[in-house]
Amino acid sequence: MSDRDGIPIEFDAEPDGDASPEAHGDPAGGPWLKIEEAIAALAMALICLISLANVVVRYLTDISFAFTEEFSVFLLVVMTLVGASIAFARNEHIRITFFLARFPRPVRIVVELLILAITTLLFAMIMYYGATFALDQYEYGEVSAGLGYPSWIYSLWLPLLSLVILFRVVEHAWRLAHARRNSEREGGVK
């Protein structure tokens, strides 16, 4: 669909309209996606449960559970990173489609791959520096302020979940590159 000037109004999130895993008979994200969704849902449920319990106890007794903030922040980070992984698996990650939708189809694929390369660099840096940070916390014996647990237990998840996101980004880039090759084989890029 186009406006009166011929500019596309709707933008197919897949640059060639056929790169989604569902188009090739594969479930989006494979079997691990259900595990990621369950982890994100569990993290969200635990945040809600902890926060509700804290509010109820504070209302009834004027006492606050100090540890709830520590767990809530940790669970929020886990939920955010797992959510980012799910978004890349489903091709629902954030991107500015206003400009991308106005490029010719071959340029869209190249720009999308460039965006994924930059994203790969970003999460590789987060993985590296997160691992360095967790290792420093382990070596210096740093403990959390609220409960006194070793801080590296919380920080270790940053590089691990960044690795999962990197896998999803590379998987998405491979699907885009594969879709581009298929469209070229089928008679040229539109």
N, C-alpha and C. Protein backbone atom coordinates (compact mmCIF):
# COMPACT_ATOMS: atom_id res chain seq x y z
N MET A 1 0.85 -1.16 0.00
CA MET A 1 0.00 0.00 0.00
C MET A 1 0.90 1.23 0.00
N SER A 2 0.54 2.24 -0.75
CA SER A 2 1.35 3.46 -0.86
C SER A 2 0.46 4.68 -0.68
N ASP A 3 1.11 5.80 -0.32
CA ASP A 3 0.37 7.05 -0.23
C ASP A 3 0.26 7.66 -1.63
N ARG A 4 -0.23 8.89 -1.72
CA ARG A 4 -0.46 9.48 -3.04
C ARG A 4 0.82 9.73 -3.82
N ASP A 5 1.97 9.77 -3.12
CA ASP A 5 3.25 9.98 -3.79
C ASP A 5 3.94 8.67 -4.13
N GLY A 6 3.32 7.55 -3.82
CA GLY A 6 3.93 6.26 -4.11
C GLY A 6 4.87 5.76 -3.04
N ILE A 7 4.90 6.43 -1.87
CA ILE A 7 5.77 6.00 -0.77
C ILE A 7 5.03 4.94 0.04
N PRO A 8 5.70 3.81 0.34
CA PRO A 8 5.03 2.74 1.08
C PRO A 8 4.56 3.23 2.45
N ILE A 9 3.32 2.89 2.80
CA ILE A 9 2.78 3.22 4.11
C ILE A 9 3.08 2.09 5.08
N GLU A 10 2.86 0.88 4.66
CA GLU A 10 3.14 -0.27 5.50
C GLU A 10 4.52 -0.80 5.16
N PHE A 11 5.24 -1.21 6.18
CA PHE A 11 6.58 -1.76 5.95
C PHE A 11 6.62 -3.16 6.50
N ASP A 12 6.91 -4.09 5.65
CA ASP A 12 7.11 -5.46 6.08
C ASP A 12 8.40 -5.51 6.87
N ALA A 13 8.35 -6.01 8.09
CA ALA A 13 9.55 -6.02 8.94
C ALA A 13 10.68 -6.81 8.32
N GLU A 14 10.37 -7.74 7.47
CA GLU A 14 11.40 -8.48 6.76
C GLU A 14 11.70 -7.75 5.46
N PRO A 15 12.95 -7.39 5.20
CA PRO A 15 13.27 -6.58 4.03
C PRO A 15 12.83 -7.17 2.71
N ASP A 16 12.74 -8.48 2.59
CA ASP A 16 12.30 -9.04 1.31
C ASP A 16 10.95 -9.73 1.42
N GLY A 17 10.32 -9.60 2.59
CA GLY A 17 8.98 -10.16 2.78
C GLY A 17 8.95 -11.66 2.96
N ASP A 18 10.12 -12.34 3.01
CA ASP A 18 10.11 -13.78 3.07
C ASP A 18 11.19 -14.33 3.98
N ALA A 19 11.81 -13.50 4.81
CA ALA A 19 12.93 -13.95 5.61
C ALA A 19 12.51 -14.50 6.96
N SER A 20 11.22 -14.42 7.30
CA SER A 20 10.82 -14.91 8.60
C SER A 20 10.92 -16.41 8.64
N PRO A 21 11.25 -16.96 9.81
CA PRO A 21 11.37 -18.41 9.91
C PRO A 21 10.07 -19.12 9.60
N GLU A 22 8.93 -18.47 9.90
CA GLU A 22 7.66 -19.11 9.62
C GLU A 22 7.45 -19.31 8.12
N ALA A 23 8.00 -18.43 7.30
CA ALA A 23 7.84 -18.53 5.85
C ALA A 23 8.54 -19.77 5.30
N HIS A 24 9.55 -20.24 6.05
CA HIS A 24 10.27 -21.42 5.60
C HIS A 24 9.86 -22.67 6.38
N GLY A 25 8.79 -22.56 7.17
CA GLY A 25 8.30 -23.70 7.91
C GLY A 25 8.99 -23.90 9.25
N ASP A 26 9.91 -23.02 9.64
CA ASP A 26 10.59 -23.13 10.92
C ASP A 26 9.84 -22.29 11.94
N PRO A 27 9.71 -22.81 13.18
CA PRO A 27 9.11 -21.97 14.20
C PRO A 27 10.06 -20.83 14.53
N ALA A 28 9.49 -19.66 14.84
CA ALA A 28 10.32 -18.49 15.15
C ALA A 28 11.19 -18.77 16.36
N GLY A 29 12.50 -18.68 16.16
CA GLY A 29 13.42 -18.82 17.27
C GLY A 29 13.72 -20.23 17.69
N GLY A 30 13.10 -21.20 17.11
CA GLY A 30 13.39 -22.59 17.46
C GLY A 30 12.82 -22.97 18.82
N PRO A 31 13.21 -24.15 19.30
CA PRO A 31 12.66 -24.64 20.57
C PRO A 31 13.12 -23.86 21.79
N TRP A 32 14.27 -23.18 21.69
CA TRP A 32 14.77 -22.43 22.84
C TRP A 32 13.93 -21.19 23.13
N LEU A 33 13.17 -20.74 22.15
CA LEU A 33 12.36 -19.54 22.35
C LEU A 33 11.33 -19.75 23.47
N LYS A 34 10.76 -20.92 23.56
CA LYS A 34 9.78 -21.20 24.62
C LYS A 34 10.43 -21.12 26.00
N ILE A 35 11.69 -21.57 26.09
CA ILE A 35 12.41 -21.48 27.36
C ILE A 35 12.67 -20.02 27.71
N GLU A 36 13.09 -19.25 26.71
CA GLU A 36 13.33 -17.82 26.95
C GLU A 36 12.05 -17.12 27.38
N GLU A 37 10.94 -17.45 26.73
CA GLU A 37 9.66 -16.85 27.10
C GLU A 37 9.27 -17.23 28.53
N ALA A 38 9.52 -18.47 28.91
CA ALA A 38 9.20 -18.92 30.26
C ALA A 38 10.06 -18.20 31.30
N ILE A 39 11.34 -18.00 30.99
CA ILE A 39 12.23 -17.29 31.91
C ILE A 39 11.77 -15.83 32.07
N ALA A 40 11.42 -15.18 30.97
CA ALA A 40 10.94 -13.79 31.04
C ALA A 40 9.64 -13.71 31.84
N ALA A 41 8.73 -14.64 31.60
CA ALA A 41 7.46 -14.65 32.33
C ALA A 41 7.68 -14.92 33.81
N LEU A 42 8.59 -15.84 34.12
CA LEU A 42 8.89 -16.14 35.52
C LEU A 42 9.51 -14.93 36.22
N ALA A 43 10.43 -14.26 35.54
CA ALA A 43 11.05 -13.07 36.13
C ALA A 43 9.99 -12.00 36.41
N MET A 44 9.09 -11.79 35.45
CA MET A 44 8.04 -10.79 35.63
C MET A 44 7.10 -11.18 36.77
N ALA A 45 6.73 -12.44 36.84
CA ALA A 45 5.85 -12.91 37.91
C ALA A 45 6.51 -12.74 39.27
N LEU A 46 7.80 -13.06 39.36
CA LEU A 46 8.50 -12.91 40.63
C LEU A 46 8.61 -11.44 41.04
N ILE A 47 8.86 -10.56 40.07
CA ILE A 47 8.90 -9.12 40.39
C ILE A 47 7.55 -8.68 40.95
N CYS A 48 6.47 -9.09 40.31
CA CYS A 48 5.13 -8.72 40.78
C CYS A 48 4.85 -9.28 42.16
N LEU A 49 5.21 -10.54 42.37
CA LEU A 49 4.96 -11.20 43.65
C LEU A 49 5.77 -10.54 44.77
N ILE A 50 7.05 -10.30 44.53
CA ILE A 50 7.90 -9.67 45.54
C ILE A 50 7.40 -8.27 45.86
N SER A 51 7.07 -7.50 44.83
CA SER A 51 6.61 -6.13 45.05
C SER A 51 5.27 -6.10 45.78
N LEU A 52 4.36 -6.99 45.40
CA LEU A 52 3.07 -7.06 46.08
C LEU A 52 3.24 -7.44 47.54
N ALA A 53 4.08 -8.44 47.81
CA ALA A 53 4.32 -8.86 49.19
C ALA A 53 4.91 -7.71 50.00
N ASN A 54 5.83 -6.98 49.40
CA ASN A 54 6.44 -5.86 50.11
C ASN A 54 5.41 -4.78 50.43
N VAL A 55 4.55 -4.48 49.47
CA VAL A 55 3.52 -3.46 49.70
C VAL A 55 2.54 -3.91 50.79
N VAL A 56 2.10 -5.16 50.73
CA VAL A 56 1.14 -5.65 51.73
C VAL A 56 1.76 -5.64 53.12
N VAL A 57 2.99 -6.14 53.24
CA VAL A 57 3.64 -6.17 54.55
C VAL A 57 3.90 -4.76 55.07
N ARG A 58 4.31 -3.86 54.20
CA ARG A 58 4.56 -2.48 54.62
C ARG A 58 3.25 -1.82 55.07
N TYR A 59 2.15 -2.11 54.37
CA TYR A 59 0.86 -1.52 54.72
C TYR A 59 0.36 -2.04 56.07
N LEU A 60 0.53 -3.36 56.29
CA LEU A 60 -0.01 -3.96 57.51
C LEU A 60 0.89 -3.77 58.72
N THR A 61 2.20 -3.68 58.52
CA THR A 61 3.10 -3.68 59.67
C THR A 61 4.04 -2.48 59.75
N ASP A 62 4.07 -1.62 58.77
CA ASP A 62 5.02 -0.50 58.70
C ASP A 62 6.47 -0.98 58.65
N ILE A 63 6.68 -2.20 58.22
CA ILE A 63 8.03 -2.76 58.04
C ILE A 63 8.19 -3.07 56.56
N SER A 64 9.39 -2.82 56.04
CA SER A 64 9.65 -3.05 54.63
C SER A 64 10.66 -4.19 54.48
N PHE A 65 10.46 -5.00 53.45
CA PHE A 65 11.45 -6.02 53.11
C PHE A 65 12.57 -5.35 52.33
N ALA A 66 13.70 -5.16 52.94
CA ALA A 66 14.81 -4.46 52.29
C ALA A 66 15.37 -5.24 51.11
N PHE A 67 15.31 -6.56 51.19
CA PHE A 67 15.92 -7.38 50.15
C PHE A 67 15.13 -7.37 48.84
N THR A 68 13.89 -6.91 48.88
CA THR A 68 13.08 -6.98 47.66
C THR A 68 13.65 -6.13 46.54
N GLU A 69 14.27 -5.00 46.87
CA GLU A 69 14.84 -4.15 45.83
C GLU A 69 15.98 -4.88 45.12
N GLU A 70 16.82 -5.57 45.89
CA GLU A 70 17.96 -6.29 45.31
C GLU A 70 17.48 -7.36 44.33
N PHE A 71 16.51 -8.14 44.73
CA PHE A 71 15.99 -9.19 43.84
C PHE A 71 15.23 -8.59 42.66
N SER A 72 14.46 -7.53 42.92
CA SER A 72 13.67 -6.93 41.85
C SER A 72 14.55 -6.35 40.75
N VAL A 73 15.62 -5.68 41.13
CA VAL A 73 16.53 -5.11 40.13
C VAL A 73 17.19 -6.22 39.32
N PHE A 74 17.64 -7.27 39.99
CA PHE A 74 18.25 -8.41 39.30
C PHE A 74 17.26 -9.04 38.32
N LEU A 75 16.04 -9.28 38.79
CA LEU A 75 15.03 -9.89 37.92
C LEU A 75 14.65 -8.98 36.76
N LEU A 76 14.66 -7.68 36.98
CA LEU A 76 14.35 -6.73 35.91
C LEU A 76 15.42 -6.78 34.82
N VAL A 77 16.68 -6.88 35.22
CA VAL A 77 17.77 -6.99 34.25
C VAL A 77 17.64 -8.29 33.46
N VAL A 78 17.37 -9.39 34.15
CA VAL A 78 17.19 -10.68 33.47
C VAL A 78 16.02 -10.60 32.49
N MET A 79 14.90 -10.05 32.94
CA MET A 79 13.72 -9.95 32.08
C MET A 79 13.99 -9.08 30.86
N THR A 80 14.72 -7.99 31.04
CA THR A 80 15.03 -7.10 29.92
C THR A 80 15.92 -7.78 28.89
N LEU A 81 16.97 -8.43 29.34
CA LEU A 81 17.89 -9.08 28.41
C LEU A 81 17.25 -10.28 27.71
N VAL A 82 16.48 -11.06 28.44
CA VAL A 82 15.79 -12.18 27.81
C VAL A 82 14.74 -11.65 26.83
N GLY A 83 14.08 -10.56 27.19
CA GLY A 83 13.11 -9.94 26.28
C GLY A 83 13.77 -9.46 24.99
N ALA A 84 14.99 -8.91 25.10
CA ALA A 84 15.72 -8.48 23.91
C ALA A 84 16.05 -9.68 23.02
N SER A 85 16.42 -10.78 23.64
CA SER A 85 16.70 -11.99 22.87
C SER A 85 15.45 -12.49 22.15
N ILE A 86 14.33 -12.46 22.84
CA ILE A 86 13.06 -12.88 22.23
C ILE A 86 12.70 -11.95 21.07
N ALA A 87 12.91 -10.66 21.26
CA ALA A 87 12.60 -9.69 20.20
C ALA A 87 13.42 -9.96 18.95
N PHE A 88 14.70 -10.27 19.10
CA PHE A 88 15.52 -10.59 17.93
C PHE A 88 15.10 -11.90 17.30
N ALA A 89 14.71 -12.87 18.10
CA ALA A 89 14.26 -14.16 17.55
C ALA A 89 12.99 -13.99 16.72
N ARG A 90 12.12 -13.09 17.13
CA ARG A 90 10.85 -12.86 16.44
C ARG A 90 10.92 -11.73 15.41
N ASN A 91 12.07 -11.11 15.27
CA ASN A 91 12.26 -9.95 14.39
C ASN A 91 11.35 -8.80 14.81
N GLU A 92 11.26 -8.58 16.09
CA GLU A 92 10.46 -7.49 16.63
C GLU A 92 11.33 -6.48 17.38
N HIS A 93 12.63 -6.49 17.10
CA HIS A 93 13.54 -5.58 17.78
C HIS A 93 13.30 -4.14 17.31
N ILE A 94 13.72 -3.21 18.12
CA ILE A 94 13.49 -1.80 17.83
C ILE A 94 14.39 -1.35 16.69
N ARG A 95 13.81 -0.68 15.71
CA ARG A 95 14.57 -0.06 14.63
C ARG A 95 13.71 1.05 14.05
N ILE A 96 14.36 1.98 13.41
CA ILE A 96 13.64 3.13 12.85
C ILE A 96 13.24 2.77 11.43
N THR A 97 11.99 2.40 11.27
CA THR A 97 11.52 1.95 9.96
C THR A 97 11.07 3.09 9.07
N PHE A 98 10.96 4.30 9.62
CA PHE A 98 10.54 5.43 8.80
C PHE A 98 11.45 5.58 7.59
N PHE A 99 12.77 5.56 7.82
CA PHE A 99 13.73 5.70 6.73
C PHE A 99 13.91 4.38 5.99
N LEU A 100 13.97 3.31 6.75
CA LEU A 100 14.21 1.99 6.15
C LEU A 100 13.11 1.63 5.15
N ALA A 101 11.88 2.01 5.43
CA ALA A 101 10.76 1.68 4.55
C ALA A 101 10.84 2.41 3.21
N ARG A 102 11.59 3.49 3.17
CA ARG A 102 11.67 4.29 1.95
C ARG A 102 12.86 3.92 1.06
N PHE A 103 13.70 3.02 1.54
CA PHE A 103 14.82 2.55 0.72
C PHE A 103 14.34 1.48 -0.24
N PRO A 104 15.02 1.31 -1.37
CA PRO A 104 14.71 0.17 -2.24
C PRO A 104 15.00 -1.13 -1.50
N ARG A 105 14.32 -2.18 -1.89
CA ARG A 105 14.43 -3.46 -1.20
C ARG A 105 15.87 -3.96 -1.01
N PRO A 106 16.75 -3.91 -2.01
CA PRO A 106 18.12 -4.39 -1.79
C PRO A 106 18.87 -3.55 -0.75
N VAL A 107 18.61 -2.25 -0.73
CA VAL A 107 19.27 -1.37 0.23
C VAL A 107 18.76 -1.67 1.64
N ARG A 108 17.48 -1.98 1.77
CA ARG A 108 16.90 -2.31 3.08
C ARG A 108 17.64 -3.49 3.71
N ILE A 109 17.92 -4.51 2.91
CA ILE A 109 18.60 -5.70 3.44
C ILE A 109 20.01 -5.32 3.90
N VAL A 110 20.71 -4.53 3.10
CA VAL A 110 22.07 -4.12 3.47
C VAL A 110 22.03 -3.28 4.75
N VAL A 111 21.10 -2.34 4.84
CA VAL A 111 20.99 -1.50 6.03
C VAL A 111 20.63 -2.35 7.24
N GLU A 112 19.72 -3.28 7.06
CA GLU A 112 19.34 -4.18 8.16
C GLU A 112 20.55 -4.99 8.63
N LEU A 113 21.35 -5.49 7.71
CA LEU A 113 22.56 -6.23 8.08
C LEU A 113 23.57 -5.32 8.78
N LEU A 114 23.67 -4.07 8.36
CA LEU A 114 24.55 -3.11 9.02
C LEU A 114 24.08 -2.85 10.45
N ILE A 115 22.78 -2.69 10.62
CA ILE A 115 22.22 -2.50 11.97
C ILE A 115 22.53 -3.71 12.84
N LEU A 116 22.39 -4.89 12.28
CA LEU A 116 22.69 -6.10 13.05
C LEU A 116 24.18 -6.20 13.38
N ALA A 117 25.04 -5.73 12.49
CA ALA A 117 26.49 -5.74 12.77
C ALA A 117 26.81 -4.80 13.93
N ILE A 118 26.19 -3.63 13.94
CA ILE A 118 26.40 -2.67 15.03
C ILE A 118 25.85 -3.25 16.34
N THR A 119 24.70 -3.90 16.27
CA THR A 119 24.12 -4.53 17.45
C THR A 119 25.03 -5.63 17.97
N THR A 120 25.61 -6.40 17.05
CA THR A 120 26.54 -7.45 17.45
C THR A 120 27.73 -6.86 18.18
N LEU A 121 28.27 -5.77 17.67
CA LEU A 121 29.39 -5.10 18.32
C LEU A 121 29.00 -4.62 19.72
N LEU A 122 27.82 -4.03 19.84
CA LEU A 122 27.36 -3.53 21.13
C LEU A 122 27.25 -4.65 22.16
N PHE A 123 26.58 -5.74 21.80
CA PHE A 123 26.39 -6.81 22.77
C PHE A 123 27.67 -7.61 23.01
N ALA A 124 28.58 -7.62 22.05
CA ALA A 124 29.90 -8.24 22.29
C ALA A 124 30.66 -7.42 23.34
N MET A 125 30.55 -6.10 23.25
CA MET A 125 31.20 -5.24 24.25
C MET A 125 30.54 -5.41 25.62
N ILE A 126 29.21 -5.49 25.65
CA ILE A 126 28.52 -5.72 26.93
C ILE A 126 28.94 -7.06 27.51
N MET A 127 29.05 -8.07 26.67
CA MET A 127 29.46 -9.39 27.14
C MET A 127 30.88 -9.33 27.72
N TYR A 128 31.80 -8.71 27.00
CA TYR A 128 33.19 -8.63 27.45
C TYR A 128 33.32 -7.85 28.75
N TYR A 129 32.78 -6.64 28.77
CA TYR A 129 32.91 -5.81 29.96
C TYR A 129 32.07 -6.33 31.13
N GLY A 130 30.95 -6.98 30.83
CA GLY A 130 30.16 -7.60 31.90
C GLY A 130 30.91 -8.76 32.53
N ALA A 131 31.60 -9.56 31.71
CA ALA A 131 32.39 -10.67 32.23
C ALA A 131 33.56 -10.15 33.05
N THR A 132 34.21 -9.09 32.57
CA THR A 132 35.31 -8.47 33.31
C THR A 132 34.83 -7.94 34.65
N PHE A 133 33.66 -7.30 34.64
CA PHE A 133 33.07 -6.75 35.86
C PHE A 133 32.75 -7.87 36.85
N ALA A 134 32.12 -8.94 36.39
CA ALA A 134 31.77 -10.06 37.27
C ALA A 134 33.03 -10.72 37.83
N LEU A 135 34.06 -10.85 37.00
CA LEU A 135 35.32 -11.45 37.46
C LEU A 135 35.98 -10.57 38.52
N ASP A 136 35.96 -9.26 38.33
CA ASP A 136 36.50 -8.34 39.33
C ASP A 136 35.74 -8.47 40.65
N GLN A 137 34.43 -8.56 40.57
CA GLN A 137 33.63 -8.70 41.79
C GLN A 137 33.97 -10.01 42.51
N TYR A 138 34.18 -11.06 41.74
CA TYR A 138 34.54 -12.35 42.32
C TYR A 138 35.92 -12.29 42.98
N GLU A 139 36.90 -11.72 42.26
CA GLU A 139 38.27 -11.65 42.78
C GLU A 139 38.39 -10.80 44.03
N TYR A 140 37.63 -9.71 44.10
CA TYR A 140 37.71 -8.82 45.25
C TYR A 140 36.71 -9.17 46.36
N GLY A 141 35.90 -10.19 46.14
CA GLY A 141 34.97 -10.65 47.17
C GLY A 141 33.89 -9.64 47.49
N GLU A 142 33.45 -8.88 46.50
CA GLU A 142 32.42 -7.87 46.72
C GLU A 142 31.09 -8.55 47.05
N VAL A 143 30.38 -7.98 48.01
CA VAL A 143 29.08 -8.53 48.39
C VAL A 143 28.01 -7.47 48.19
N SER A 144 26.77 -7.92 48.03
CA SER A 144 25.66 -7.00 47.82
C SER A 144 25.33 -6.27 49.12
N ALA A 145 24.80 -5.06 48.97
CA ALA A 145 24.52 -4.23 50.14
C ALA A 145 23.33 -4.74 50.95
N GLY A 146 22.32 -5.28 50.26
CA GLY A 146 21.09 -5.67 50.95
C GLY A 146 21.20 -6.97 51.73
N LEU A 147 21.66 -8.01 51.07
CA LEU A 147 21.66 -9.34 51.68
C LEU A 147 23.06 -9.89 51.95
N GLY A 148 24.06 -9.24 51.41
CA GLY A 148 25.41 -9.71 51.63
C GLY A 148 25.80 -10.91 50.77
N TYR A 149 25.03 -11.15 49.69
CA TYR A 149 25.39 -12.23 48.77
C TYR A 149 26.56 -11.77 47.90
N PRO A 150 27.35 -12.70 47.38
CA PRO A 150 28.42 -12.29 46.45
C PRO A 150 27.81 -11.57 45.24
N SER A 151 28.34 -10.40 44.93
CA SER A 151 27.78 -9.58 43.84
C SER A 151 27.93 -10.23 42.48
N TRP A 152 28.95 -11.05 42.30
CA TRP A 152 29.16 -11.67 40.99
C TRP A 152 28.02 -12.60 40.60
N ILE A 153 27.26 -13.09 41.59
CA ILE A 153 26.11 -13.96 41.28
C ILE A 153 25.10 -13.19 40.44
N TYR A 154 24.92 -11.91 40.74
CA TYR A 154 24.00 -11.09 39.97
C TYR A 154 24.63 -10.63 38.65
N SER A 155 25.89 -10.26 38.69
CA SER A 155 26.56 -9.70 37.51
C SER A 155 26.88 -10.74 36.45
N LEU A 156 27.00 -11.98 36.84
CA LEU A 156 27.35 -13.04 35.89
C LEU A 156 26.32 -13.18 34.77
N TRP A 157 25.09 -12.83 35.07
CA TRP A 157 24.02 -12.99 34.09
C TRP A 157 24.10 -11.98 32.95
N LEU A 158 24.77 -10.88 33.16
CA LEU A 158 24.92 -9.88 32.11
C LEU A 158 25.69 -10.44 30.91
N PRO A 159 26.89 -11.01 31.08
CA PRO A 159 27.57 -11.57 29.91
C PRO A 159 26.89 -12.83 29.37
N LEU A 160 26.31 -13.64 30.24
CA LEU A 160 25.65 -14.86 29.76
C LEU A 160 24.44 -14.55 28.88
N LEU A 161 23.61 -13.62 29.33
CA LEU A 161 22.43 -13.28 28.53
C LEU A 161 22.80 -12.44 27.31
N SER A 162 23.90 -11.70 27.38
CA SER A 162 24.39 -11.00 26.20
C SER A 162 24.83 -12.00 25.14
N LEU A 163 25.39 -13.10 25.56
CA LEU A 163 25.77 -14.16 24.62
C LEU A 163 24.54 -14.76 23.94
N VAL A 164 23.47 -14.93 24.69
CA VAL A 164 22.22 -15.43 24.10
C VAL A 164 21.69 -14.42 23.08
N ILE A 165 21.74 -13.14 23.42
CA ILE A 165 21.30 -12.11 22.47
C ILE A 165 22.17 -12.12 21.23
N LEU A 166 23.48 -12.27 21.41
CA LEU A 166 24.39 -12.34 20.25
C LEU A 166 24.02 -13.51 19.35
N PHE A 167 23.69 -14.63 19.93
CA PHE A 167 23.27 -15.78 19.13
C PHE A 167 22.03 -15.43 18.32
N ARG A 168 21.06 -14.76 18.93
CA ARG A 168 19.83 -14.39 18.23
C ARG A 168 20.09 -13.36 17.13
N VAL A 169 21.00 -12.43 17.37
CA VAL A 169 21.33 -11.42 16.36
C VAL A 169 22.00 -12.08 15.16
N VAL A 170 22.95 -12.97 15.43
CA VAL A 170 23.64 -13.67 14.34
C VAL A 170 22.65 -14.57 13.59
N GLU A 171 21.76 -15.22 14.32
CA GLU A 171 20.72 -16.05 13.69
C GLU A 171 19.84 -15.21 12.76
N HIS A 172 19.46 -14.03 13.22
CA HIS A 172 18.62 -13.14 12.41
C HIS A 172 19.37 -12.65 11.17
N ALA A 173 20.65 -12.30 11.34
CA ALA A 173 21.46 -11.87 10.20
C ALA A 173 21.61 -12.98 9.18
N TRP A 174 21.76 -14.20 9.66
CA TRP A 174 21.87 -15.34 8.74
C TRP A 174 20.57 -15.52 7.96
N ARG A 175 19.43 -15.37 8.64
CA ARG A 175 18.14 -15.50 7.93
C ARG A 175 17.99 -14.43 6.87
N LEU A 176 18.42 -13.19 7.19
CA LEU A 176 18.33 -12.11 6.21
C LEU A 176 19.24 -12.37 5.01
N ALA A 177 20.47 -12.79 5.29
CA ALA A 177 21.40 -13.07 4.19
C ALA A 177 20.90 -14.24 3.35
N HIS A 178 20.34 -15.24 4.00
CA HIS A 178 19.80 -16.40 3.29
C HIS A 178 18.60 -16.00 2.43
N ALA A 179 17.75 -15.13 2.97
CA ALA A 179 16.58 -14.66 2.21
C ALA A 179 17.02 -13.84 1.01
N ARG A 180 18.07 -13.06 1.16
CA ARG A 180 18.57 -12.26 0.03
C ARG A 180 19.09 -13.16 -1.07
N ARG A 181 19.86 -14.19 -0.70
CA ARG A 181 20.36 -15.14 -1.70
C ARG A 181 19.22 -15.85 -2.40
N ASN A 182 18.20 -16.24 -1.64
CA ASN A 182 17.05 -16.92 -2.26
C ASN A 182 16.31 -16.01 -3.22
N SER A 183 16.14 -14.74 -2.85
CA SER A 183 15.42 -13.83 -3.74
C SER A 183 16.23 -13.53 -5.00
N GLU A 184 17.56 -13.50 -4.87
CA GLU A 184 18.39 -13.30 -6.05
C GLU A 184 18.33 -14.51 -6.99
N ARG A 185 18.28 -15.69 -6.39
CA ARG A 185 18.20 -16.92 -7.19
C ARG A 185 16.85 -17.04 -7.92
N GLU A 186 15.80 -16.50 -7.28
CA GLU A 186 14.47 -16.64 -7.83
C GLU A 186 14.16 -15.58 -8.90
N GLY A 187 15.13 -14.82 -9.30
CA GLY A 187 14.86 -13.86 -10.37
C GLY A 187 15.26 -12.46 -10.06
N GLY A 188 16.18 -12.29 -9.13
CA GLY A 188 16.67 -10.95 -8.87
C GLY A 188 15.96 -10.31 -7.72
N VAL A 189 16.63 -9.39 -7.09
CA VAL A 189 16.07 -8.66 -5.96
C VAL A 189 15.09 -7.64 -6.49
N LYS A 190 13.94 -7.53 -5.84
CA LYS A 190 12.90 -6.60 -6.27
C LYS A 190 13.30 -5.18 -6.03
